[in-house]
């Protein structure tokens, strides 16, 4: 700061000298004295300003020193406080360790003194309670694990089946198209082939014969007529769906292979007529009444996708009119979707049954747990009773002027021959040695007086 002041003074002096030189050159000798006086006054003002700046700088230095001292003191106080806090934490941790050790030792001693008898009495009872509970828990966990495994396997199988569904449908369409030429004109063979395709679809959907569906069931309708549907699909709620395969390939084959428009038109009309006759045949039979189902429709299965598409091109209302007569027309694709839904219904039904079993086992487990808690509460009450009995016995042993320890120690002081000694802390709790000796003297003096 002093160097800055000196520099400012020198700078002012140099400026004044320069001004004087310039004035000497520009002004005449007559104006020089007044100019010098003016410059002298300015120099005095600048000197005063420099003195004020020096005083301000000195005050600023003193303020900085004071703040620096305060900062150092604060840092010292903070370090002292941190160190004190560290020592306090260490002392608290040590004290906690000591208290924990003392508590554990005291707990172990109390348990060793008072728990041996209760352990021997209640071990078998608690084991008898816990063993069935443990077995139930193991069975419950095993059951849950099995259910989870089964569900995972079923989901994996369902994904695989869905992935193969498209391939299966295309293969069935190709197979049906190839077989059309071989089966044309042979009605019995066509029917057997349709039933075979229907059986294949049933197997691919994961349904099980004899459980979820039955084939070639012989039933009697309310009018006494014998009926033999191709397939009866069983639903979880007890309802049944009748599926009957109807194959019309002769007219369809002519329509596909003919190049003549008139022949194609005639073949189309014959094909539509054939399907209508199949609808009329199924509508005229009371399949639902014969199988004892409340569902009022029958599924007419056409194993060739294209056959139904061609028929609908000739009669757009064919499927709608069939529905009005309680006959649902299905192809491999639509029937597969229906049967997959049925398979999912059965899977959900099994899961519900498993859930009921789980709920039943959970109820049994809860009841067992309640019994265990009640027994455990009884054990706690008996422990408290034993503690109270122990405290009473201990009071009789060491409390009061006539406690047992004091009496037997008095007998010892009177001269009874002994080989063992009671623990010193027990004797101290019953009364001091001087008190025991005084009691013995009083007893002797009383006997002599008598």
Protein backbone atom coordinates (compact mmCIF):
# COMPACT_ATOMS: atom_id res chain seq x y z
CA UNK A 1 0.00 0.00 0.00
CA UNK A 2 2.96 2.39 0.74
CA UNK A 3 4.47 1.70 -2.70
CA UNK A 4 1.12 2.63 -4.24
CA UNK A 5 1.10 5.92 -2.31
CA UNK A 6 4.66 6.79 -3.38
CA UNK A 7 3.79 5.96 -6.97
CA UNK A 8 0.76 8.22 -6.89
CA UNK A 9 2.85 11.10 -5.46
CA UNK A 10 5.54 10.65 -8.11
CA UNK A 11 2.90 10.48 -10.81
CA UNK A 12 1.35 13.75 -9.59
CA UNK A 13 4.76 15.46 -9.41
CA UNK A 14 5.69 14.34 -12.91
CA UNK A 15 2.36 15.61 -14.15
CA UNK A 16 2.87 18.97 -12.51
CA UNK A 17 6.37 19.27 -13.95
CA UNK A 18 5.04 18.45 -17.37
CA UNK A 19 2.31 21.03 -16.99
CA UNK A 20 4.82 23.66 -15.88
CA UNK A 21 7.03 22.95 -18.87
CA UNK A 22 4.12 23.17 -21.23
CA UNK A 23 2.90 26.37 -19.64
CA UNK A 24 6.35 27.87 -19.88
CA UNK A 25 6.37 27.20 -23.57
CA UNK A 26 2.84 28.39 -24.23
CA UNK A 27 2.40 31.29 -21.88
CA UNK A 28 4.38 34.36 -21.32
CA UNK A 29 6.52 35.04 -18.28
CA UNK A 30 3.83 37.33 -16.84
CA UNK A 31 1.23 34.46 -16.47
CA UNK A 32 3.62 31.95 -14.95
CA UNK A 33 3.29 32.96 -11.25
CA UNK A 34 -0.50 32.66 -11.25
CA UNK A 35 -0.34 29.28 -12.97
CA UNK A 36 2.26 28.08 -10.45
CA UNK A 37 0.00 29.18 -7.60
CA UNK A 38 -2.90 27.27 -9.10
CA UNK A 39 -0.82 24.15 -9.53
CA UNK A 40 0.48 24.47 -5.99
CA UNK A 41 -3.07 24.57 -4.68
CA UNK A 42 -3.99 21.52 -6.71
CA UNK A 43 -0.87 19.75 -5.41
CA UNK A 44 -1.92 20.50 -1.84
CA UNK A 45 -5.40 19.11 -2.52
CA UNK A 46 -3.94 15.98 -4.02
CA UNK A 47 -1.65 15.57 -1.01
CA UNK A 48 -4.65 15.79 1.32
CA UNK A 49 -6.47 13.20 -0.78
CA UNK A 50 -3.43 10.91 -0.61
CA UNK A 51 -3.36 11.23 3.19
CA UNK A 52 -7.06 10.31 3.38
CA UNK A 53 -6.42 7.27 1.17
CA UNK A 54 -3.54 6.21 3.41
CA UNK A 55 -5.76 6.48 6.51
CA UNK A 56 -8.51 4.46 4.78
CA UNK A 57 -5.97 1.82 3.75
CA UNK A 58 -4.68 1.56 7.30
CA UNK A 59 -8.22 1.14 8.64
CA UNK A 60 -8.89 -1.51 6.01
CA UNK A 61 -5.70 -3.39 7.04
CA UNK A 62 -6.74 -3.29 10.69
CA UNK A 63 -10.23 -4.58 9.79
CA UNK A 64 -8.70 -7.43 7.76
CA UNK A 65 -6.40 -8.37 10.64
CA UNK A 66 -9.35 -8.39 13.04
CA UNK A 67 -11.40 -10.60 10.71
CA UNK A 68 -8.41 -12.92 10.21
CA UNK A 69 -8.03 -13.28 13.99
CA UNK A 70 -11.76 -13.96 14.38
CA UNK A 71 -11.61 -16.64 11.65
CA UNK A 72 -8.62 -18.33 13.30
CA UNK A 73 -10.42 -18.32 16.66
CA UNK A 74 -13.58 -19.77 15.07
CA UNK A 75 -11.58 -22.53 13.37
CA UNK A 76 -9.88 -23.35 16.67
CA UNK A 77 -13.25 -23.48 18.48
CA UNK A 78 -14.71 -25.70 15.74
CA UNK A 79 -11.79 -28.13 15.91
CA UNK A 80 -12.14 -28.26 19.70
CA UNK A 81 -15.89 -28.94 19.42
CA UNK A 82 -15.35 -31.68 16.80
CA UNK A 83 -12.76 -33.34 18.98
CA UNK A 84 -15.04 -33.13 22.02
CA UNK A 85 -17.92 -34.62 20.01
CA UNK A 86 -15.67 -37.44 18.85
CA UNK A 87 -14.63 -38.22 22.43
CA UNK A 88 -18.27 -38.07 23.54
CA UNK A 89 -19.29 -40.55 20.82
CA UNK A 90 -16.45 -42.89 21.78
CA UNK A 91 -17.42 -42.68 25.45
CA UNK A 92 -21.08 -43.33 24.60
CA UNK A 93 -20.16 -46.33 22.46
CA UNK A 94 -17.97 -47.74 25.23
CA UNK A 95 -20.70 -47.18 27.79
CA UNK A 96 -23.24 -48.87 25.48
CA UNK A 97 -20.91 -51.86 25.07
CA UNK A 98 -20.49 -52.09 28.83
CA UNK A 99 -24.23 -51.88 29.43
CA UNK A 100 -24.90 -54.45 26.69
CA UNK A 101 -22.36 -56.83 28.19
CA UNK A 102 -23.81 -56.37 31.66
CA UNK A 103 -27.36 -56.86 30.37
CA UNK A 104 -26.41 -60.02 28.50
CA UNK A 105 -24.63 -61.40 31.52
CA UNK A 106 -27.57 -60.57 33.75
CA UNK A 107 -30.04 -62.07 31.25
CA UNK A 108 -27.99 -65.22 30.91
CA UNK A 109 -27.76 -65.53 34.67
CA UNK A 110 -31.50 -65.03 35.14
CA UNK A 111 -32.33 -67.49 32.38
CA UNK A 112 -29.92 -70.02 33.81
CA UNK A 113 -31.42 -69.65 37.28
CA UNK A 114 -35.10 -69.57 36.38
CA UNK A 115 -35.34 -71.18 32.96
CA UNK A 116 -33.97 -74.67 33.46
CA UNK A 117 -37.10 -76.04 35.08
CA UNK A 118 -39.42 -74.30 32.63
CA UNK A 119 -37.40 -75.51 29.66
CA UNK A 120 -37.68 -79.12 30.73
CA UNK A 121 -41.41 -78.74 31.40
CA UNK A 122 -42.36 -76.82 28.28
CA UNK A 123 -39.93 -78.15 25.67
CA UNK A 124 -42.03 -81.15 24.80
CA UNK A 125 -45.24 -79.12 24.84
CA UNK A 126 -43.83 -76.43 22.53
CA UNK A 127 -42.32 -79.07 20.26
CA UNK A 128 -45.69 -80.79 20.11
CA UNK A 129 -47.24 -77.51 18.99
CA UNK A 130 -44.52 -76.52 16.54
CA UNK A 131 -44.07 -79.89 14.84
CA UNK A 132 -47.57 -80.06 13.28
CA UNK A 133 -47.31 -76.38 12.39
CA UNK A 134 -43.93 -76.96 10.75
CA UNK A 135 -45.30 -79.91 8.79
CA UNK A 136 -48.30 -77.86 7.64
CA UNK A 137 -46.00 -75.04 6.52
CA UNK A 138 -43.80 -77.49 4.57
CA UNK A 139 -46.88 -79.03 2.91
CA UNK A 140 -48.22 -75.57 2.13
CA UNK A 141 -44.93 -74.44 0.56
CA UNK A 142 -44.68 -77.68 -1.42
CA UNK A 143 -48.23 -77.21 -2.68
CA UNK A 144 -47.54 -73.61 -3.73
CA UNK A 145 -44.35 -74.69 -5.49
CA UNK A 146 -46.19 -77.42 -7.36
CA UNK A 147 -48.96 -75.01 -8.38
CA UNK A 148 -46.40 -72.49 -9.60
CA UNK A 149 -44.56 -75.16 -11.58
CA UNK A 150 -47.77 -76.41 -13.15
CA UNK A 151 -48.86 -72.88 -14.05
CA UNK A 152 -45.47 -72.15 -15.64
CA UNK A 153 -45.60 -75.37 -17.65
CA UNK A 154 -49.15 -74.66 -18.78
CA UNK A 155 -48.25 -71.12 -19.87
CA UNK A 156 -45.24 -72.38 -21.80
CA UNK A 157 -47.35 -75.06 -23.46
CA UNK A 158 -50.04 -72.52 -24.35
CA UNK A 159 -47.48 -70.20 -25.97
CA UNK A 160 -46.08 -73.08 -27.98
CA UNK A 161 -49.55 -74.15 -29.07
CA UNK A 162 -50.44 -70.62 -30.14
CA UNK A 163 -47.22 -70.40 -32.13
CA UNK A 164 -48.08 -73.62 -33.91
CA UNK A 165 -51.72 -72.66 -34.47
CA UNK A 166 -51.06 -70.73 -37.68
CA UNK A 167 -48.91 -73.51 -39.08
CA UNK A 168 -51.52 -76.08 -38.11
CA UNK A 169 -54.34 -74.17 -39.78
CA UNK A 170 -52.38 -73.74 -43.00
CA UNK A 171 -51.38 -77.40 -43.00
CA UNK A 172 -54.98 -78.42 -42.47
CA UNK A 173 -56.15 -76.18 -45.32
CA UNK A 174 -53.51 -77.63 -47.64
CA UNK A 175 -54.35 -81.14 -46.55
CA UNK A 176 -58.06 -80.54 -47.08
CA UNK A 177 -57.45 -79.13 -50.55
CA UNK A 178 -55.32 -82.13 -51.52
CA UNK A 179 -57.83 -84.60 -50.17
CA UNK A 180 -60.75 -82.95 -51.92
CA UNK A 181 -59.86 -84.55 -55.23
CA UNK A 182 -59.42 -87.99 -53.65
CA UNK A 183 -62.68 -87.82 -51.68
CA UNK A 184 -65.07 -86.39 -54.26
CA UNK A 185 -68.19 -88.43 -54.71
CA UNK A 186 -67.64 -90.72 -51.68
CA UNK A 187 -69.92 -89.37 -48.97
CA UNK A 188 -69.01 -91.94 -46.28
CA UNK A 189 -65.30 -91.41 -46.83
CA UNK A 190 -65.77 -87.64 -46.74
CA UNK A 191 -67.59 -87.92 -43.42
CA UNK A 192 -64.84 -90.07 -41.89
CA UNK A 193 -62.22 -87.61 -43.09
CA UNK A 194 -64.13 -84.68 -41.54
CA UNK A 195 -64.34 -86.51 -38.21
CA UNK A 196 -60.60 -87.18 -38.37
CA UNK A 197 -59.88 -83.46 -38.90
CA UNK A 198 -62.21 -82.64 -35.99
CA UNK A 199 -60.42 -85.14 -33.73
CA UNK A 200 -57.03 -83.64 -34.71
CA UNK A 201 -58.19 -80.14 -33.77
CA UNK A 202 -59.49 -81.38 -30.41
CA UNK A 203 -56.15 -82.97 -29.61
CA UNK A 204 -54.18 -79.88 -30.67
CA UNK A 205 -56.18 -77.63 -28.33
CA UNK A 206 -55.07 -79.64 -25.29
CA UNK A 207 -58.49 -81.04 -24.41
CA UNK A 208 -58.63 -84.59 -23.05
CA UNK A 209 -61.06 -87.17 -24.36
CA UNK A 210 -63.32 -88.56 -21.68
CA UNK A 211 -62.89 -85.45 -19.52
CA UNK A 212 -63.27 -82.26 -21.54
CA UNK A 213 -64.94 -83.93 -24.54
CA UNK A 214 -66.51 -87.23 -25.67
CA UNK A 215 -66.80 -88.71 -29.16
CA UNK A 216 -69.55 -90.79 -30.79
CA UNK A 217 -71.85 -90.46 -27.80
CA UNK A 218 -75.18 -92.26 -28.21
CA UNK A 219 -78.04 -90.19 -26.73
CA UNK A 220 -81.83 -90.07 -26.88
CA UNK A 221 -83.78 -86.86 -27.51
CA UNK A 222 -87.00 -85.98 -25.65
CA UNK A 223 -89.02 -87.63 -28.46
CA UNK A 224 -87.19 -90.94 -28.03
CA UNK A 225 -85.02 -90.73 -31.16
CA UNK A 226 -81.50 -92.12 -30.98
CA UNK A 227 -78.87 -89.52 -31.87
CA UNK A 228 -75.11 -89.90 -32.29
CA UNK A 229 -73.27 -86.55 -32.42
CA UNK A 230 -69.65 -86.61 -33.55
CA UNK A 231 -68.32 -84.73 -30.49
CA UNK A 232 -69.79 -83.43 -27.23
CA UNK A 233 -67.59 -80.77 -25.58
CA UNK A 234 -67.98 -80.56 -21.78
CA UNK A 235 -67.78 -77.18 -20.04
CA UNK A 236 -66.64 -76.66 -16.41
CA UNK A 237 -70.11 -75.53 -15.31
CA UNK A 238 -71.71 -78.78 -16.53
CA UNK A 239 -73.01 -77.43 -19.85
CA UNK A 240 -72.27 -79.32 -23.09
CA UNK A 241 -71.68 -78.18 -26.68
CA UNK A 242 -72.50 -80.52 -29.59
CA UNK A 243 -70.11 -80.41 -32.57
CA UNK A 244 -71.07 -82.29 -35.74
CA UNK A 245 -68.84 -82.52 -38.82
CA UNK A 246 -70.47 -81.93 -42.21
CA UNK A 247 -68.39 -82.37 -45.38
CA UNK A 248 -69.69 -81.15 -48.78
CA UNK A 249 -66.88 -81.64 -51.27
CA UNK A 250 -68.52 -82.87 -54.49
CA UNK A 251 -70.09 -79.61 -55.65
CA UNK A 252 -67.23 -77.59 -54.15
CA UNK A 253 -64.67 -79.61 -56.13
CA UNK A 254 -66.60 -79.03 -59.36
CA UNK A 255 -66.72 -75.31 -58.66
CA UNK A 256 -62.98 -75.13 -58.01
CA UNK A 257 -61.87 -77.21 -61.00
CA UNK A 258 -64.38 -76.02 -63.62
CA UNK A 259 -63.35 -73.41 -66.18
CA UNK A 260 -66.85 -72.91 -67.56
CA UNK A 261 -68.80 -70.08 -65.96
CA UNK A 262 -72.15 -71.83 -66.30
CA UNK A 263 -70.77 -74.99 -64.72
CA UNK A 264 -69.22 -72.95 -61.92
CA UNK A 265 -72.53 -71.17 -61.30
CA UNK A 266 -74.41 -74.49 -61.17
CA UNK A 267 -71.77 -76.05 -58.90
CA UNK A 268 -71.94 -73.04 -56.57
CA UNK A 269 -75.71 -73.31 -56.31
CA UNK A 270 -75.44 -77.04 -55.59
CA UNK A 271 -72.78 -76.39 -52.95
CA UNK A 272 -74.94 -73.78 -51.20
CA UNK A 273 -77.92 -76.14 -51.33
CA UNK A 274 -75.83 -78.92 -49.77
CA UNK A 275 -74.80 -76.72 -46.84
CA UNK A 276 -78.37 -75.53 -46.34
CA UNK A 277 -79.53 -79.15 -46.16
CA UNK A 278 -76.89 -79.85 -43.50
CA UNK A 279 -78.15 -76.85 -41.50
CA UNK A 280 -81.73 -78.09 -41.83
CA UNK A 281 -80.67 -81.56 -40.70
CA UNK A 282 -78.94 -80.30 -37.54
CA UNK A 283 -81.73 -77.84 -36.77
CA UNK A 284 -84.26 -80.65 -36.98
CA UNK A 285 -82.48 -82.72 -34.31
CA UNK A 286 -82.77 -81.80 -30.63
CA UNK A 287 -79.11 -82.40 -29.77
CA UNK A 288 -79.10 -79.98 -26.81
CA UNK A 289 -82.09 -81.68 -25.22
CA UNK A 290 -80.58 -85.10 -25.84
CA UNK A 291 -77.28 -84.26 -24.09
CA UNK A 292 -79.03 -82.37 -21.27
CA UNK A 293 -77.58 -78.93 -21.99
CA UNK A 294 -79.20 -75.55 -21.57
CA UNK A 295 -77.18 -74.19 -24.51
CA UNK A 296 -79.57 -73.92 -27.44
CA UNK A 297 -77.15 -74.17 -30.37
CA UNK A 298 -75.10 -76.79 -32.23
CA UNK A 299 -71.79 -76.24 -34.02
CA UNK A 300 -71.68 -77.46 -37.63
CA UNK A 301 -68.02 -78.05 -38.46
CA UNK A 302 -66.83 -77.59 -42.07
CA UNK A 303 -63.21 -78.84 -42.29
CA UNK A 304 -62.31 -76.72 -45.36
CA UNK A 305 -62.02 -72.96 -44.95
CA UNK A 306 -62.52 -72.33 -48.66
CA UNK A 307 -65.73 -74.37 -48.81
CA UNK A 308 -67.50 -71.99 -46.43
CA UNK A 309 -66.03 -68.93 -48.15
CA UNK A 310 -67.32 -70.12 -51.54
CA UNK A 311 -70.77 -70.88 -50.08
CA UNK A 312 -70.97 -67.41 -48.51
CA UNK A 313 -70.11 -65.86 -51.87
CA UNK A 314 -73.21 -67.59 -53.25
CA UNK A 315 -75.41 -66.83 -50.22
CA UNK A 316 -74.24 -64.05 -47.90
CA UNK A 317 -77.06 -64.82 -45.44
CA UNK A 318 -76.20 -68.50 -45.06
CA UNK A 319 -74.39 -68.16 -41.72
CA UNK A 320 -76.94 -65.68 -40.32
CA UNK A 321 -79.90 -67.87 -41.21
CA UNK A 322 -78.12 -70.86 -39.65
CA UNK A 323 -77.65 -68.92 -36.39
CA UNK A 324 -81.35 -68.09 -36.39
CA UNK A 325 -81.98 -71.84 -36.40
CA UNK A 326 -79.47 -72.37 -33.53
CA UNK A 327 -76.75 -73.77 -35.79
CA UNK A 328 -73.31 -72.10 -35.69
CA UNK A 329 -71.13 -72.82 -38.74
CA UNK A 330 -67.43 -73.19 -37.87
CA UNK A 331 -64.25 -73.78 -39.86
CA UNK A 332 -60.94 -75.09 -38.44
CA UNK A 333 -59.86 -71.55 -37.51
CA UNK A 334 -63.04 -70.52 -35.70
CA UNK A 335 -63.49 -73.93 -34.07
CA UNK A 336 -59.88 -73.83 -32.86
CA UNK A 337 -60.58 -70.46 -31.22
CA UNK A 338 -63.72 -71.81 -29.53
CA UNK A 339 -61.97 -74.93 -28.25
CA UNK A 340 -58.98 -72.89 -27.05
CA UNK A 341 -61.43 -70.81 -25.04
CA UNK A 342 -62.93 -73.97 -23.57
CA UNK A 343 -59.42 -75.22 -22.71
CA UNK A 344 -58.69 -71.90 -20.97
CA UNK A 345 -61.97 -72.20 -19.03
CA UNK A 346 -60.93 -75.64 -17.79
CA UNK A 347 -57.49 -74.34 -16.82
CA UNK A 348 -59.06 -71.47 -14.85
CA UNK A 349 -61.43 -73.94 -13.21
CA UNK A 350 -58.50 -76.08 -12.07
CA UNK A 351 -56.74 -72.99 -10.75
CA UNK A 352 -59.87 -72.06 -8.81
CA UNK A 353 -59.98 -75.52 -7.33
CA UNK A 354 -56.31 -75.23 -6.40
CA UNK A 355 -57.02 -71.81 -4.89
CA UNK A 356 -59.78 -73.33 -2.78
CA UNK A 357 -57.36 -76.01 -1.59
CA UNK A 358 -54.77 -73.32 -0.80
CA UNK A 359 -57.39 -71.30 1.09
CA UNK A 360 -58.41 -74.42 3.02
CA UNK A 361 -54.81 -75.18 3.97
CA UNK A 362 -54.26 -71.51 4.86
CA UNK A 363 -57.25 -71.70 7.21
CA UNK A 364 -55.87 -74.80 8.87
CA UNK A 365 -52.48 -73.12 9.14
CA UNK A 366 -54.06 -70.04 10.72
CA UNK A 367 -55.96 -72.15 13.25
CA UNK A 368 -52.75 -73.98 14.16
CA UNK A 369 -50.94 -70.66 14.51
CA UNK A 370 -53.67 -69.31 16.81
CA UNK A 371 -53.31 -72.44 18.96
CA UNK A 372 -49.55 -71.94 19.03
CA UNK A 373 -49.94 -68.30 20.11
CA UNK A 374 -52.40 -69.29 22.84
CA UNK A 375 -50.02 -71.97 24.10
CA UNK A 376 -47.12 -69.51 23.97
CA UNK A 377 -49.16 -67.03 26.00
CA UNK A 378 -49.76 -69.81 28.54
CA UNK A 379 -46.03 -70.47 28.68
CA UNK A 380 -45.44 -66.76 29.32
CA UNK A 381 -47.98 -66.75 32.14
CA UNK A 382 -46.35 -69.78 33.73
CA UNK A 383 -42.95 -68.09 33.45
CA UNK A 384 -44.37 -65.05 35.24
CA UNK A 385 -45.91 -67.29 37.90
CA UNK A 386 -42.59 -69.07 38.36
CA UNK A 387 -40.83 -65.70 38.65
CA UNK A 388 -43.31 -64.57 41.30
CA UNK A 389 -42.85 -67.84 43.22
CA UNK A 390 -39.08 -67.44 42.97
CA UNK A 391 -39.24 -63.86 44.28
CA UNK A 392 -41.40 -64.98 47.23
CA UNK A 393 -39.02 -67.84 48.06
CA UNK A 394 -36.02 -65.54 47.72
CA UNK A 395 -37.61 -63.00 50.07
CA UNK A 396 -38.16 -65.71 52.67
CA UNK A 397 -34.57 -66.76 52.19
CA UNK A 398 -32.84 -63.39 52.73
CA UNK A 399 -35.43 -60.77 53.77
CA UNK A 400 -36.64 -59.91 57.25
CA UNK A 401 -35.06 -60.40 60.65
CA UNK A 402 -36.08 -64.05 60.75
CA UNK A 403 -35.00 -65.05 57.25
CA UNK A 404 -33.72 -68.58 56.72
CA UNK A 405 -30.15 -67.65 55.83
CA UNK A 406 -29.80 -65.54 58.94
CA UNK A 407 -31.17 -68.33 61.12
CA UNK A 408 -28.84 -71.03 59.76
CA UNK A 409 -25.84 -68.66 59.97
CA UNK A 410 -26.78 -67.95 63.59
CA UNK A 411 -26.74 -71.70 64.25
CA UNK A 412 -23.29 -71.84 62.67
CA UNK A 413 -22.04 -68.99 64.88
CA UNK A 414 -23.40 -70.80 67.93
CA UNK A 415 -21.01 -73.65 67.18
CA UNK A 416 -22.69 -76.01 64.78
CA UNK A 417 -20.11 -78.07 62.93
CA UNK A 418 -20.26 -77.46 59.16
CA UNK A 419 -18.11 -78.42 56.19
CA UNK A 420 -19.54 -75.97 53.67
CA UNK A 421 -20.40 -72.27 53.66
CA UNK A 422 -23.16 -70.28 52.05
CA UNK A 423 -22.16 -67.76 49.35
CA UNK A 424 -20.95 -64.53 50.90
CA UNK A 425 -23.28 -62.35 48.79
CA UNK A 426 -26.27 -64.39 50.00
CA UNK A 427 -25.17 -64.01 53.64
CA UNK A 428 -24.62 -60.28 53.09
CA UNK A 429 -28.12 -59.93 51.63
CA UNK A 430 -29.58 -61.72 54.67
CA UNK A 431 -27.76 -59.50 57.22
CA UNK A 432 -24.23 -58.50 58.27
CA UNK A 433 -21.98 -60.87 60.19
CA UNK A 434 -22.20 -58.53 63.19
CA UNK A 435 -25.99 -58.74 63.10
CA UNK A 436 -25.79 -62.54 62.96
CA UNK A 437 -23.33 -62.55 65.88
CA UNK A 438 -25.55 -60.23 67.94
CA UNK A 439 -28.51 -62.49 67.25
CA UNK A 440 -26.47 -65.48 68.44
CA UNK A 441 -25.42 -63.69 71.65
CA UNK A 442 -29.00 -62.70 72.36
CA UNK A 443 -30.09 -66.29 71.83
CA UNK A 444 -27.40 -67.58 74.26
CA UNK A 445 -28.16 -64.97 76.89
CA UNK A 446 -31.85 -65.77 76.65
CA UNK A 447 -31.14 -69.46 77.14
CA UNK A 448 -28.89 -68.78 80.21
CA UNK A 449 -31.47 -66.48 81.73
CA UNK A 450 -34.07 -69.17 81.44
